[in-house]
Amino acid sequence: ALLVTRDYRIPLLHRVYAGNEADTTQFGRIVGDLTKRHRLLAQGCEDITLVFDKGNNARKNQVVLDQTAFHFVGSLVATQHRNLLAVSRQEYRTVPLVGGKSLLAYRTQQQVMGELRTVVVTYNPKLAEAQERGIRLTVKHKTPFLNKLAEKRKVTEATMTLAVKRILVGQYLQEAVNWRVVDGRFQWWLDEEGLNRLRRERLGKKILFTDQHEWTTGEIIQAYHGQYVIEHAFRQMKDPYFVSWWPMFHWTDQKMMVHGFYCVLALLLVSLLTKRVREAGKEIGSQRLLALLDGIKEVAVIYPLGKAGAATEYVRSELFGEEAEVQELLKLGQ
């Protein structure tokens, strides 16, 4: 579990926990840790807004979070808020985002987990198209299994219900595929009416909620999209060459926690290094920066001088382009 800053992915808090524990359980504990650390974190911030996805949602966690000094932006399970999904697309407004992008969004306020929240439903047509392509592709992969059911004779609706449920595992599939049993034979088809309902109500939509009522709709959306920052941090720790979590040659909880500590420490150093280079005017990602540094070599050539000992000469690899720039920015020549 990891908390990082939005800029440069600098780690502020981490926890190593057992893989068979639910995320929602851990989230509640981490909020407690954050509350203790708030005084330290708040020294450089007017207010702190936590961003998390719906996998961390639980009413008891939200109650704990509401009692802290933290604000939040989270997301909701769409199927639990069908009233919001049913809002006509004509009620949506175009919201400009950073980088010249935009999204359609509908904004309102309603009770969520016992408190009044600002709720934003976003619609992204490109996401909707991608989701529909995914549905059709998955149905294509499932077709041989469904056709195999259609070859059977004297089937019952009860047995087919169980069989179809096992096959149609995946988001939206049960709404996109329809079936029936006629005279003991199984029949199935892609349900265009069901797909139209999905296009109208679900595809391309996300439901966000927050207690930052004064924020603009664009600020709420941008904050939620900022989750990619933590995803990049985890990706960095999965890199097999730099800041690598694996392999981990430990078997006890205590040693795994120490291993986790020095991996996060490595991530911290890489984040601060990237920050230093970018603030010096060089826009470069952490992965590229580490690769460039890896290409800068220094060799110690030792000449034996008999009884007088030895003389050492240091030879650095010849540098060009970005490697030379990075060496200059970080003053590695010293």
C-alpha atoms as a PDB file:
ATOM      1  CA  ALA A   1       0.000   0.000   0.000  1.00  0.00           C
ATOM      2  CA  LEU A   2       1.479   3.308  -1.071  1.00  0.00           C
ATOM      3  CA  LEU A   3       0.721   7.025  -0.717  1.00  0.00           C
ATOM      4  CA  VAL A   4       2.610   9.352  -3.072  1.00  0.00           C
ATOM      5  CA  THR A   5       2.537  13.030  -3.976  1.00  0.00           C
ATOM      6  CA  ARG A   6       0.884  14.036  -7.235  1.00  0.00           C
ATOM      7  CA  ASP A   7       4.109  15.730  -8.368  1.00  0.00           C
ATOM      8  CA  TYR A   8       7.116  13.431  -8.906  1.00  0.00           C
ATOM      9  CA  ARG A   9       5.510  10.430  -7.133  1.00  0.00           C
ATOM     10  CA  ILE A  10       7.408  11.022  -3.888  1.00  0.00           C
ATOM     11  CA  PRO A  11       6.423   8.330  -1.315  1.00  0.00           C
ATOM     12  CA  LEU A  12       4.855   9.675   1.890  1.00  0.00           C
ATOM     13  CA  LEU A  13       3.602   6.461   3.471  1.00  0.00           C
ATOM     14  CA  HIS A  14       3.719   2.750   2.737  1.00  0.00           C
ATOM     15  CA  ARG A  15       2.528  -0.446   4.351  1.00  0.00           C
ATOM     16  CA  VAL A  16       3.412  -4.065   3.572  1.00  0.00           C
ATOM     17  CA  TYR A  17       0.420  -6.278   4.319  1.00  0.00           C
ATOM     18  CA  ALA A  18      -0.631  -9.878   3.793  1.00  0.00           C
ATOM     19  CA  GLY A  19      -1.866 -10.623   0.286  1.00  0.00           C
ATOM     20  CA  ASN A  20      -4.958 -12.465   1.541  1.00  0.00           C
ATOM     21  CA  GLU A  21      -6.364  -9.384   3.299  1.00  0.00           C
ATOM     22  CA  ALA A  22      -8.994  -7.272   1.559  1.00  0.00           C
ATOM     23  CA  ASP A  23      -8.022  -3.809   0.291  1.00  0.00           C
ATOM     24  CA  THR A  24     -11.000  -2.252   2.058  1.00  0.00           C
ATOM     25  CA  THR A  25      -9.733  -3.595   5.403  1.00  0.00           C
ATOM     26  CA  GLN A  26      -6.275  -2.145   4.815  1.00  0.00           C
ATOM     27  CA  PHE A  27      -7.648   1.196   3.653  1.00  0.00           C
ATOM     28  CA  GLY A  28      -9.385   1.709   7.001  1.00  0.00           C
ATOM     29  CA  ARG A  29      -6.125   1.052   8.869  1.00  0.00           C
ATOM     30  CA  ILE A  30      -4.091   3.291   6.588  1.00  0.00           C
ATOM     31  CA  VAL A  31      -6.508   6.178   7.145  1.00  0.00           C
ATOM     32  CA  GLY A  32      -5.668   5.798  10.841  1.00  0.00           C
ATOM     33  CA  ASP A  33      -1.938   5.960  10.048  1.00  0.00           C
ATOM     34  CA  LEU A  34      -2.531   9.016   7.876  1.00  0.00           C
ATOM     35  CA  THR A  35      -4.379  10.772  10.647  1.00  0.00           C
ATOM     36  CA  LYS A  36      -1.366  10.328  12.932  1.00  0.00           C
ATOM     37  CA  ARG A  37       0.945  11.614  10.211  1.00  0.00           C
ATOM     38  CA  HIS A  38      -1.298  14.526   9.186  1.00  0.00           C
ATOM     39  CA  ARG A  39       0.559  17.097  11.295  1.00  0.00           C
ATOM     40  CA  LEU A  40       3.811  16.296   9.466  1.00  0.00           C
ATOM     41  CA  LEU A  41       2.238  16.184   6.000  1.00  0.00           C
ATOM     42  CA  ALA A  42       0.225  19.349   6.528  1.00  0.00           C
ATOM     43  CA  GLN A  43       3.299  21.504   7.157  1.00  0.00           C
ATOM     44  CA  GLY A  44       3.605  22.169   3.428  1.00  0.00           C
ATOM     45  CA  CYS A  45      -0.071  21.909   2.412  1.00  0.00           C
ATOM     46  CA  GLU A  46      -3.141  24.023   3.020  1.00  0.00           C
ATOM     47  CA  ASP A  47      -5.293  20.932   2.665  1.00  0.00           C
ATOM     48  CA  ILE A  48      -4.804  17.334   1.564  1.00  0.00           C
ATOM     49  CA  THR A  49      -7.125  15.451  -0.784  1.00  0.00           C
ATOM     50  CA  LEU A  50      -6.876  11.668  -1.005  1.00  0.00           C
ATOM     51  CA  VAL A  51      -7.757  10.061  -4.337  1.00  0.00           C
ATOM     52  CA  PHE A  52      -8.804   6.404  -4.413  1.00  0.00           C
ATOM     53  CA  ASP A  53     -10.898   4.044  -6.525  1.00  0.00           C
ATOM     54  CA  LYS A  54     -14.055   2.104  -5.724  1.00  0.00           C
ATOM     55  CA  GLY A  55     -12.059  -0.952  -4.606  1.00  0.00           C
ATOM     56  CA  ASN A  56     -11.482   0.889  -1.311  1.00  0.00           C
ATOM     57  CA  ASN A  57     -15.126   1.801  -0.723  1.00  0.00           C
ATOM     58  CA  ALA A  58     -16.753   0.700   2.506  1.00  0.00           C
ATOM     59  CA  ARG A  59     -19.163   2.641   4.689  1.00  0.00           C
ATOM     60  CA  LYS A  60     -17.045   2.137   7.836  1.00  0.00           C
ATOM     61  CA  ASN A  61     -13.953   3.429   5.979  1.00  0.00           C
ATOM     62  CA  GLN A  62     -15.864   6.479   4.811  1.00  0.00           C
ATOM     63  CA  VAL A  63     -17.021   7.202   8.373  1.00  0.00           C
ATOM     64  CA  VAL A  64     -13.388   7.088   9.552  1.00  0.00           C
ATOM     65  CA  LEU A  65     -12.258   9.300   6.659  1.00  0.00           C
ATOM     66  CA  ASP A  66     -15.006  11.863   7.349  1.00  0.00           C
ATOM     67  CA  GLN A  67     -13.675  12.272  10.883  1.00  0.00           C
ATOM     68  CA  THR A  68     -10.190  13.221   9.653  1.00  0.00           C
ATOM     69  CA  ALA A  69      -8.836  16.491   8.258  1.00  0.00           C
ATOM     70  CA  PHE A  70      -8.511  14.924   4.794  1.00  0.00           C
ATOM     71  CA  HIS A  71     -10.687  15.640   1.778  1.00  0.00           C
ATOM     72  CA  PHE A  72     -11.248  12.952  -0.840  1.00  0.00           C
ATOM     73  CA  VAL A  73     -12.198  12.144  -4.416  1.00  0.00           C
ATOM     74  CA  GLY A  74     -13.385   8.588  -5.036  1.00  0.00           C
ATOM     75  CA  SER A  75     -15.533   6.576  -7.416  1.00  0.00           C
ATOM     76  CA  LEU A  76     -18.733   4.601  -6.977  1.00  0.00           C
ATOM     77  CA  VAL A  77     -19.960   1.256  -8.297  1.00  0.00           C
ATOM     78  CA  ALA A  78     -22.168   2.347 -11.200  1.00  0.00           C
ATOM     79  CA  THR A  79     -24.781  -0.406 -10.828  1.00  0.00           C
ATOM     80  CA  GLN A  80     -25.498   0.741  -7.267  1.00  0.00           C
ATOM     81  CA  HIS A  81     -26.569   4.181  -8.543  1.00  0.00           C
ATOM     82  CA  ARG A  82     -28.877   3.479 -11.474  1.00  0.00           C
ATOM     83  CA  ASN A  83     -30.675   6.794 -10.967  1.00  0.00           C
ATOM     84  CA  LEU A  84     -27.472   8.546 -12.053  1.00  0.00           C
ATOM     85  CA  LEU A  85     -26.953   6.224 -15.019  1.00  0.00           C
ATOM     86  CA  ALA A  86     -30.491   6.960 -16.186  1.00  0.00           C
ATOM     87  CA  VAL A  87     -29.860  10.712 -16.528  1.00  0.00           C
ATOM     88  CA  SER A  88     -30.272  11.751 -20.163  1.00  0.00           C
ATOM     89  CA  ARG A  89     -27.103  12.557 -22.101  1.00  0.00           C
ATOM     90  CA  GLN A  90     -28.697  15.926 -22.881  1.00  0.00           C
ATOM     91  CA  GLU A  91     -28.130  16.886 -19.229  1.00  0.00           C
ATOM     92  CA  TYR A  92     -24.347  16.472 -19.628  1.00  0.00           C
ATOM     93  CA  ARG A  93     -22.046  19.433 -20.228  1.00  0.00           C
ATOM     94  CA  THR A  94     -18.645  19.601 -21.923  1.00  0.00           C
ATOM     95  CA  VAL A  95     -15.894  20.021 -19.317  1.00  0.00           C
ATOM     96  CA  PRO A  96     -12.472  21.273 -20.527  1.00  0.00           C
ATOM     97  CA  LEU A  97      -9.473  19.484 -19.036  1.00  0.00           C
ATOM     98  CA  VAL A  98      -5.727  20.104 -18.961  1.00  0.00           C
ATOM     99  CA  GLY A  99      -3.934  19.580 -22.261  1.00  0.00           C
ATOM    100  CA  GLY A 100      -6.820  20.660 -24.472  1.00  0.00           C
ATOM    101  CA  LYS A 101      -8.861  17.533 -23.708  1.00  0.00           C
ATOM    102  CA  SER A 102     -12.492  17.492 -22.614  1.00  0.00           C
ATOM    103  CA  LEU A 103     -15.150  15.159 -21.251  1.00  0.00           C
ATOM    104  CA  LEU A 104     -18.920  15.179 -21.019  1.00  0.00           C
ATOM    105  CA  ALA A 105     -20.075  15.299 -17.408  1.00  0.00           C
ATOM    106  CA  TYR A 106     -23.229  15.594 -15.330  1.00  0.00           C
ATOM    107  CA  ARG A 107     -22.896  17.162 -11.865  1.00  0.00           C
ATOM    108  CA  THR A 108     -25.268  16.968  -8.917  1.00  0.00           C
ATOM    109  CA  GLN A 109     -25.378  16.465  -5.152  1.00  0.00           C
ATOM    110  CA  GLN A 110     -26.885  13.529  -3.312  1.00  0.00           C
ATOM    111  CA  GLN A 111     -26.561  11.416  -0.188  1.00  0.00           C
ATOM    112  CA  VAL A 112     -23.751   8.857  -0.430  1.00  0.00           C
ATOM    113  CA  MET A 113     -22.808   6.692   2.553  1.00  0.00           C
ATOM    114  CA  GLY A 114     -24.758   8.882   4.920  1.00  0.00           C
ATOM    115  CA  GLU A 115     -23.450  12.311   3.863  1.00  0.00           C
ATOM    116  CA  LEU A 116     -24.216  14.869   1.173  1.00  0.00           C
ATOM    117  CA  ARG A 117     -21.599  14.556  -1.586  1.00  0.00           C
ATOM    118  CA  THR A 118     -20.879  16.286  -4.850  1.00  0.00           C
ATOM    119  CA  VAL A 119     -21.305  13.638  -7.546  1.00  0.00           C
ATOM    120  CA  VAL A 120     -19.935  13.836 -11.102  1.00  0.00           C
ATOM    121  CA  VAL A 121     -20.903  11.312 -13.786  1.00  0.00           C
ATOM    122  CA  THR A 122     -18.424  11.405 -16.667  1.00  0.00           C
ATOM    123  CA  TYR A 123     -18.960  10.082 -20.187  1.00  0.00           C
ATOM    124  CA  ASN A 124     -16.071   9.304 -22.521  1.00  0.00           C
ATOM    125  CA  PRO A 125     -17.161   8.183 -26.020  1.00  0.00           C
ATOM    126  CA  LYS A 126     -13.740   6.683 -26.768  1.00  0.00           C
ATOM    127  CA  LEU A 127     -13.958   4.586 -23.599  1.00  0.00           C
ATOM    128  CA  ALA A 128     -17.489   3.521 -24.594  1.00  0.00           C
ATOM    129  CA  GLU A 129     -16.264   2.394 -28.036  1.00  0.00           C
ATOM    130  CA  ALA A 130     -13.360   0.485 -26.497  1.00  0.00           C
ATOM    131  CA  GLN A 131     -15.657  -1.223 -23.992  1.00  0.00           C
ATOM    132  CA  GLU A 132     -18.069  -2.277 -26.754  1.00  0.00           C
ATOM    133  CA  ARG A 133     -15.198  -3.670 -28.837  1.00  0.00           C
ATOM    134  CA  GLY A 134     -14.089  -5.586 -25.742  1.00  0.00           C
ATOM    135  CA  ILE A 135     -17.601  -7.016 -25.258  1.00  0.00           C
ATOM    136  CA  ARG A 136     -17.848  -8.168 -28.890  1.00  0.00           C
ATOM    137  CA  LEU A 137     -14.358  -9.674 -28.809  1.00  0.00           C
ATOM    138  CA  THR A 138     -15.087 -11.543 -25.566  1.00  0.00           C
ATOM    139  CA  VAL A 139     -18.373 -12.869 -26.994  1.00  0.00           C
ATOM    140  CA  LYS A 140     -16.396 -14.081 -30.025  1.00  0.00           C
ATOM    141  CA  HIS A 141     -14.064 -16.009 -27.695  1.00  0.00           C
ATOM    142  CA  LYS A 142     -17.055 -17.451 -25.812  1.00  0.00           C
ATOM    143  CA  THR A 143     -18.924 -18.475 -28.992  1.00  0.00           C
ATOM    144  CA  PRO A 144     -17.404 -22.024 -29.277  1.00  0.00           C
ATOM    145  CA  PHE A 145     -18.444 -22.783 -25.688  1.00  0.00           C
ATOM    146  CA  LEU A 146     -21.979 -21.469 -26.222  1.00  0.00           C
ATOM    147  CA  ASN A 147     -22.273 -23.373 -29.522  1.00  0.00           C
ATOM    148  CA  LYS A 148     -21.209 -26.527 -27.723  1.00  0.00           C
ATOM    149  CA  LEU A 149     -24.172 -26.078 -25.383  1.00  0.00           C
ATOM    150  CA  ALA A 150     -26.429 -25.640 -28.418  1.00  0.00           C
ATOM    151  CA  GLU A 151     -25.390 -29.100 -29.687  1.00  0.00           C
ATOM    152  CA  LYS A 152     -26.828 -30.802 -26.618  1.00  0.00           C
ATOM    153  CA  ARG A 153     -30.303 -32.323 -26.613  1.00  0.00           C
ATOM    154  CA  LYS A 154     -32.986 -32.484 -23.949  1.00  0.00           C
ATOM    155  CA  VAL A 155     -31.470 -29.764 -21.796  1.00  0.00           C
ATOM    156  CA  THR A 156     -33.383 -27.906 -19.091  1.00  0.00           C
ATOM    157  CA  GLU A 157     -33.449 -24.228 -18.301  1.00  0.00           C
ATOM    158  CA  ALA A 158     -32.065 -24.901 -14.826  1.00  0.00           C
ATOM    159  CA  THR A 159     -28.963 -26.742 -16.092  1.00  0.00           C
ATOM    160  CA  MET A 160     -28.386 -24.174 -18.842  1.00  0.00           C
ATOM    161  CA  THR A 161     -28.637 -21.298 -16.362  1.00  0.00           C
ATOM    162  CA  LEU A 162     -25.695 -22.704 -14.418  1.00  0.00           C
ATOM    163  CA  ALA A 163     -23.701 -23.527 -17.560  1.00  0.00           C
ATOM    164  CA  VAL A 164     -24.232 -20.101 -19.151  1.00  0.00           C
ATOM    165  CA  LYS A 165     -23.335 -18.344 -15.911  1.00  0.00           C
ATOM    166  CA  ARG A 166     -19.992 -20.182 -15.862  1.00  0.00           C
ATOM    167  CA  ILE A 167     -19.274 -19.212 -19.485  1.00  0.00           C
ATOM    168  CA  LEU A 168     -20.402 -15.578 -19.402  1.00  0.00           C
ATOM    169  CA  VAL A 169     -17.960 -14.473 -16.717  1.00  0.00           C
ATOM    170  CA  GLY A 170     -16.969 -10.861 -17.333  1.00  0.00           C
ATOM    171  CA  GLN A 171     -18.322  -7.347 -17.169  1.00  0.00           C
ATOM    172  CA  TYR A 172     -21.439  -6.655 -19.276  1.00  0.00           C
ATOM    173  CA  LEU A 173     -21.537 -10.134 -20.891  1.00  0.00           C
ATOM    174  CA  GLN A 174     -24.788 -11.261 -19.310  1.00  0.00           C
ATOM    175  CA  GLU A 175     -26.499  -8.084 -20.554  1.00  0.00           C
ATOM    176  CA  ALA A 176     -25.035  -8.477 -24.058  1.00  0.00           C
ATOM    177  CA  VAL A 177     -25.920 -12.153 -24.616  1.00  0.00           C
ATOM    178  CA  ASN A 178     -29.469 -13.542 -24.509  1.00  0.00           C
ATOM    179  CA  TRP A 179     -30.556 -17.173 -24.567  1.00  0.00           C
ATOM    180  CA  ARG A 180     -33.499 -19.534 -24.170  1.00  0.00           C
ATOM    181  CA  VAL A 181     -34.395 -23.244 -24.153  1.00  0.00           C
ATOM    182  CA  VAL A 182     -36.919 -24.346 -26.805  1.00  0.00           C
ATOM    183  CA  ASP A 183     -38.043 -28.001 -27.044  1.00  0.00           C
ATOM    184  CA  GLY A 184     -35.034 -29.128 -25.033  1.00  0.00           C
ATOM    185  CA  ARG A 185     -32.517 -27.267 -27.238  1.00  0.00           C
ATOM    186  CA  PHE A 186     -30.357 -24.337 -26.156  1.00  0.00           C
ATOM    187  CA  GLN A 187     -30.393 -21.205 -28.329  1.00  0.00           C
ATOM    188  CA  TRP A 188     -28.343 -18.031 -27.862  1.00  0.00           C
ATOM    189  CA  TRP A 189     -27.748 -14.709 -29.667  1.00  0.00           C
ATOM    190  CA  LEU A 190     -26.016 -11.364 -29.280  1.00  0.00           C
ATOM    191  CA  ASP A 191     -28.684  -9.136 -27.769  1.00  0.00           C
ATOM    192  CA  GLU A 192     -28.618  -5.860 -29.735  1.00  0.00           C
ATOM    193  CA  GLU A 193     -31.328  -4.427 -27.497  1.00  0.00           C
ATOM    194  CA  GLY A 194     -29.207  -5.217 -24.463  1.00  0.00           C
ATOM    195  CA  LEU A 195     -26.189  -3.618 -26.152  1.00  0.00           C
ATOM    196  CA  ASN A 196     -28.225  -0.490 -26.900  1.00  0.00           C
ATOM    197  CA  ARG A 197     -29.232  -0.314 -23.240  1.00  0.00           C
ATOM    198  CA  LEU A 198     -25.588  -0.664 -22.218  1.00  0.00           C
ATOM    199  CA  ARG A 199     -24.564   2.093 -24.670  1.00  0.00           C
ATOM    200  CA  ARG A 200     -27.261   4.366 -23.294  1.00  0.00           C
ATOM    201  CA  GLU A 201     -26.781   3.737 -19.576  1.00  0.00           C
ATOM    202  CA  ARG A 202     -23.375   2.264 -18.735  1.00  0.00           C
ATOM    203  CA  LEU A 203     -20.636   2.228 -21.356  1.00  0.00           C
ATOM    204  CA  GLY A 204     -18.090   5.038 -21.122  1.00  0.00           C
ATOM    205  CA  LYS A 205     -19.390   6.247 -17.762  1.00  0.00           C
ATOM    206  CA  LYS A 206     -17.732   6.683 -14.378  1.00  0.00           C
ATOM    207  CA  ILE A 207     -19.311   8.048 -11.217  1.00  0.00           C
ATOM    208  CA  LEU A 208     -17.081  10.183  -9.001  1.00  0.00           C
ATOM    209  CA  PHE A 209     -17.920  11.595  -5.564  1.00  0.00           C
ATOM    210  CA  THR A 210     -16.165  14.066  -3.309  1.00  0.00           C
ATOM    211  CA  ASP A 211     -16.498  16.384  -0.338  1.00  0.00           C
ATOM    212  CA  GLN A 212     -14.664  19.149  -2.254  1.00  0.00           C
ATOM    213  CA  HIS A 213     -17.907  20.987  -3.012  1.00  0.00           C
ATOM    214  CA  GLU A 214     -16.103  24.202  -3.989  1.00  0.00           C
ATOM    215  CA  TRP A 215     -14.004  22.546  -6.681  1.00  0.00           C
ATOM    216  CA  THR A 216     -14.963  22.925 -10.319  1.00  0.00           C
ATOM    217  CA  THR A 217     -16.123  19.827 -12.182  1.00  0.00           C
ATOM    218  CA  GLY A 218     -12.857  19.884 -14.130  1.00  0.00           C
ATOM    219  CA  GLU A 219     -10.795  19.923 -10.921  1.00  0.00           C
ATOM    220  CA  ILE A 220     -12.685  16.916  -9.558  1.00  0.00           C
ATOM    221  CA  ILE A 221     -12.162  14.931 -12.767  1.00  0.00           C
ATOM    222  CA  GLN A 222      -8.482  15.885 -13.025  1.00  0.00           C
ATOM    223  CA  ALA A 223      -7.906  14.865  -9.416  1.00  0.00           C
ATOM    224  CA  TYR A 224      -9.445  11.437 -10.020  1.00  0.00           C
ATOM    225  CA  HIS A 225      -7.454  10.975 -13.220  1.00  0.00           C
ATOM    226  CA  GLY A 226      -4.355  11.681 -11.123  1.00  0.00           C
ATOM    227  CA  GLN A 227      -4.454   8.045  -9.998  1.00  0.00           C
ATOM    228  CA  TYR A 228      -2.171   7.263 -12.913  1.00  0.00           C
ATOM    229  CA  VAL A 229       0.599   8.754 -10.729  1.00  0.00           C
ATOM    230  CA  ILE A 230       0.363   5.929  -8.192  1.00  0.00           C
ATOM    231  CA  GLU A 231       0.059   3.405 -11.019  1.00  0.00           C
ATOM    232  CA  HIS A 232       3.375   4.703 -12.399  1.00  0.00           C
ATOM    233  CA  ALA A 233       4.946   4.322  -8.959  1.00  0.00           C
ATOM    234  CA  PHE A 234       3.877   0.674  -8.754  1.00  0.00           C
ATOM    235  CA  ARG A 235       5.048   0.113 -12.346  1.00  0.00           C
ATOM    236  CA  GLN A 236       8.446   1.543 -11.379  1.00  0.00           C
ATOM    237  CA  MET A 237       8.686  -0.912  -8.474  1.00  0.00           C
ATOM    238  CA  LYS A 238       7.848  -3.811 -10.823  1.00  0.00           C
ATOM    239  CA  ASP A 239      10.620  -2.848 -13.234  1.00  0.00           C
ATOM    240  CA  PRO A 240      13.116  -5.756 -13.368  1.00  0.00           C
ATOM    241  CA  TYR A 241      16.165  -3.449 -13.624  1.00  0.00           C
ATOM    242  CA  PHE A 242      15.629  -0.328 -11.469  1.00  0.00           C
ATOM    243  CA  VAL A 243      13.844  -0.054  -8.088  1.00  0.00           C
ATOM    244  CA  SER A 244      12.827  -3.681  -8.517  1.00  0.00           C
ATOM    245  CA  TRP A 245      10.655  -5.365  -5.883  1.00  0.00           C
ATOM    246  CA  TRP A 246      11.395  -8.800  -7.330  1.00  0.00           C
ATOM    247  CA  PRO A 247      13.175 -11.049  -6.703  1.00  0.00           C
ATOM    248  CA  MET A 248      12.579 -11.115  -2.965  1.00  0.00           C
ATOM    249  CA  PHE A 249      14.587 -13.809  -1.204  1.00  0.00           C
ATOM    250  CA  HIS A 250      12.784 -13.553   2.136  1.00  0.00           C
ATOM    251  CA  TRP A 251      10.196 -15.704   3.871  1.00  0.00           C
ATOM    252  CA  THR A 252       9.439 -14.057   7.217  1.00  0.00           C
ATOM    253  CA  ASP A 253       7.067 -11.114   7.757  1.00  0.00           C
ATOM    254  CA  GLN A 254       9.767  -9.036   9.438  1.00  0.00           C
ATOM    255  CA  LYS A 255      12.279  -9.409   6.596  1.00  0.00           C
ATOM    256  CA  MET A 256       9.606  -8.801   3.958  1.00  0.00           C
ATOM    257  CA  MET A 257       8.772  -5.517   5.687  1.00  0.00           C
ATOM    258  CA  VAL A 258      12.446  -4.522   5.630  1.00  0.00           C
ATOM    259  CA  HIS A 259      12.607  -5.488   1.934  1.00  0.00           C
ATOM    260  CA  GLY A 260       9.531  -3.320   1.315  1.00  0.00           C
ATOM    261  CA  PHE A 261      11.171  -0.447   3.189  1.00  0.00           C
ATOM    262  CA  TYR A 262      14.314  -0.335   1.086  1.00  0.00           C
ATOM    263  CA  CYS A 263      12.327  -0.723  -2.150  1.00  0.00           C
ATOM    264  CA  VAL A 264      10.234   2.320  -1.186  1.00  0.00           C
ATOM    265  CA  LEU A 265      13.451   4.087  -0.153  1.00  0.00           C
ATOM    266  CA  ALA A 266      14.814   3.406  -3.654  1.00  0.00           C
ATOM    267  CA  LEU A 267      11.600   4.804  -5.163  1.00  0.00           C
ATOM    268  CA  LEU A 268      11.992   7.897  -2.969  1.00  0.00           C
ATOM    269  CA  LEU A 269      15.562   8.489  -4.195  1.00  0.00           C
ATOM    270  CA  VAL A 270      14.554   8.027  -7.856  1.00  0.00           C
ATOM    271  CA  SER A 271      11.618  10.421  -7.410  1.00  0.00           C
ATOM    272  CA  LEU A 272      13.845  13.084  -5.835  1.00  0.00           C
ATOM    273  CA  LEU A 273      16.466  12.591  -8.551  1.00  0.00           C
ATOM    274  CA  THR A 274      13.809  13.057 -11.255  1.00  0.00           C
ATOM    275  CA  LYS A 275      12.550  16.152  -9.429  1.00  0.00           C
ATOM    276  CA  ARG A 276      16.067  17.662  -9.368  1.00  0.00           C
ATOM    277  CA  VAL A 277      16.601  17.088 -13.107  1.00  0.00           C
ATOM    278  CA  ARG A 278      13.193  18.457 -14.113  1.00  0.00           C
ATOM    279  CA  GLU A 279      13.555  21.527 -11.931  1.00  0.00           C
ATOM    280  CA  ALA A 280      16.880  22.151 -13.693  1.00  0.00           C
ATOM    281  CA  GLY A 281      14.942  22.349 -16.969  1.00  0.00           C
ATOM    282  CA  LYS A 282      15.291  18.826 -18.380  1.00  0.00           C
ATOM    283  CA  GLU A 283      11.893  17.156 -19.023  1.00  0.00           C
ATOM    284  CA  ILE A 284      12.681  13.471 -18.696  1.00  0.00           C
ATOM    285  CA  GLY A 285      10.977  10.461 -17.121  1.00  0.00           C
ATOM    286  CA  SER A 286      12.496   8.402 -14.332  1.00  0.00           C
ATOM    287  CA  GLN A 287      12.969   5.287 -16.487  1.00  0.00           C
ATOM    288  CA  ARG A 288      14.869   7.190 -19.173  1.00  0.00           C
ATOM    289  CA  LEU A 289      16.913   9.042 -16.563  1.00  0.00           C
ATOM    290  CA  LEU A 290      18.008   5.805 -14.889  1.00  0.00           C
ATOM    291  CA  ALA A 291      18.936   4.291 -18.259  1.00  0.00           C
ATOM    292  CA  LEU A 292      21.079   7.338 -19.083  1.00  0.00           C
ATOM    293  CA  LEU A 293      22.832   7.208 -15.722  1.00  0.00           C
ATOM    294  CA  ASP A 294      23.459   3.499 -16.223  1.00  0.00           C
ATOM    295  CA  GLY A 295      25.345   4.393 -19.413  1.00  0.00           C
ATOM    296  CA  ILE A 296      27.790   6.677 -17.597  1.00  0.00           C
ATOM    297  CA  LYS A 297      30.783   4.553 -16.591  1.00  0.00           C
ATOM    298  CA  GLU A 298      33.983   5.280 -14.710  1.00  0.00           C
ATOM    299  CA  VAL A 299      36.920   2.870 -14.677  1.00  0.00           C
ATOM    300  CA  ALA A 300      39.787   2.932 -12.156  1.00  0.00           C
ATOM    301  CA  VAL A 301      43.032   1.901 -13.885  1.00  0.00           C
ATOM    302  CA  ILE A 302      45.678   0.890 -11.297  1.00  0.00           C
ATOM    303  CA  TYR A 303      49.373   0.939 -12.296  1.00  0.00           C
ATOM    304  CA  PRO A 304      51.744  -1.003 -10.002  1.00  0.00           C
ATOM    305  CA  LEU A 305      54.825   1.013  -9.039  1.00  0.00           C
ATOM    306  CA  GLY A 306      56.773  -1.713  -7.297  1.00  0.00           C
ATOM    307  CA  LYS A 307      57.741  -0.849  -3.746  1.00  0.00           C
ATOM    308  CA  ALA A 308      56.315   2.632  -4.188  1.00  0.00           C
ATOM    309  CA  GLY A 309      52.815   1.162  -4.269  1.00  0.00           C
ATOM    310  CA  ALA A 310      50.433   1.940  -7.103  1.00  0.00           C
ATOM    311  CA  ALA A 311      49.103   4.854  -9.105  1.00  0.00           C
ATOM    312  CA  THR A 312      45.420   5.106  -9.955  1.00  0.00           C
ATOM    313  CA  GLU A 313      43.976   6.881 -12.961  1.00  0.00           C
ATOM    314  CA  TYR A 314      40.220   7.337 -13.352  1.00  0.00           C
ATOM    315  CA  VAL A 315      38.825   7.158 -16.879  1.00  0.00           C
ATOM    316  CA  ARG A 316      35.206   8.108 -17.582  1.00  0.00           C
ATOM    317  CA  SER A 317      33.323   6.957 -20.660  1.00  0.00           C
ATOM    318  CA  GLU A 318      33.005   9.530 -23.429  1.00  0.00           C
ATOM    319  CA  LEU A 319      29.571  11.119 -23.194  1.00  0.00           C
ATOM    320  CA  PHE A 320      27.327  12.550 -25.887  1.00  0.00           C
ATOM    321  CA  GLY A 321      23.828  14.045 -26.088  1.00  0.00           C
ATOM    322  CA  GLU A 322      21.516  13.440 -23.157  1.00  0.00           C
ATOM    323  CA  GLU A 323      24.127  11.562 -21.110  1.00  0.00           C
ATOM    324  CA  ALA A 324      26.383  14.629 -21.212  1.00  0.00           C
ATOM    325  CA  GLU A 325      23.404  16.880 -20.307  1.00  0.00           C
ATOM    326  CA  VAL A 326      22.468  14.730 -17.309  1.00  0.00           C
ATOM    327  CA  GLN A 327      26.072  14.616 -16.108  1.00  0.00           C
ATOM    328  CA  GLU A 328      26.228  18.398 -16.256  1.00  0.00           C
ATOM    329  CA  LEU A 329      22.841  18.916 -14.550  1.00  0.00           C
ATOM    330  CA  LEU A 330      23.707  16.562 -11.684  1.00  0.00           C
ATOM    331  CA  LYS A 331      27.331  17.786 -11.478  1.00  0.00           C
ATOM    332  CA  LEU A 332      28.607  14.230 -11.721  1.00  0.00           C
ATOM    333  CA  GLY A 333      31.973  15.532 -12.917  1.00  0.00           C
ATOM    334  CA  GLN A 334      32.709  16.501  -9.313  1.00  0.00           C
END
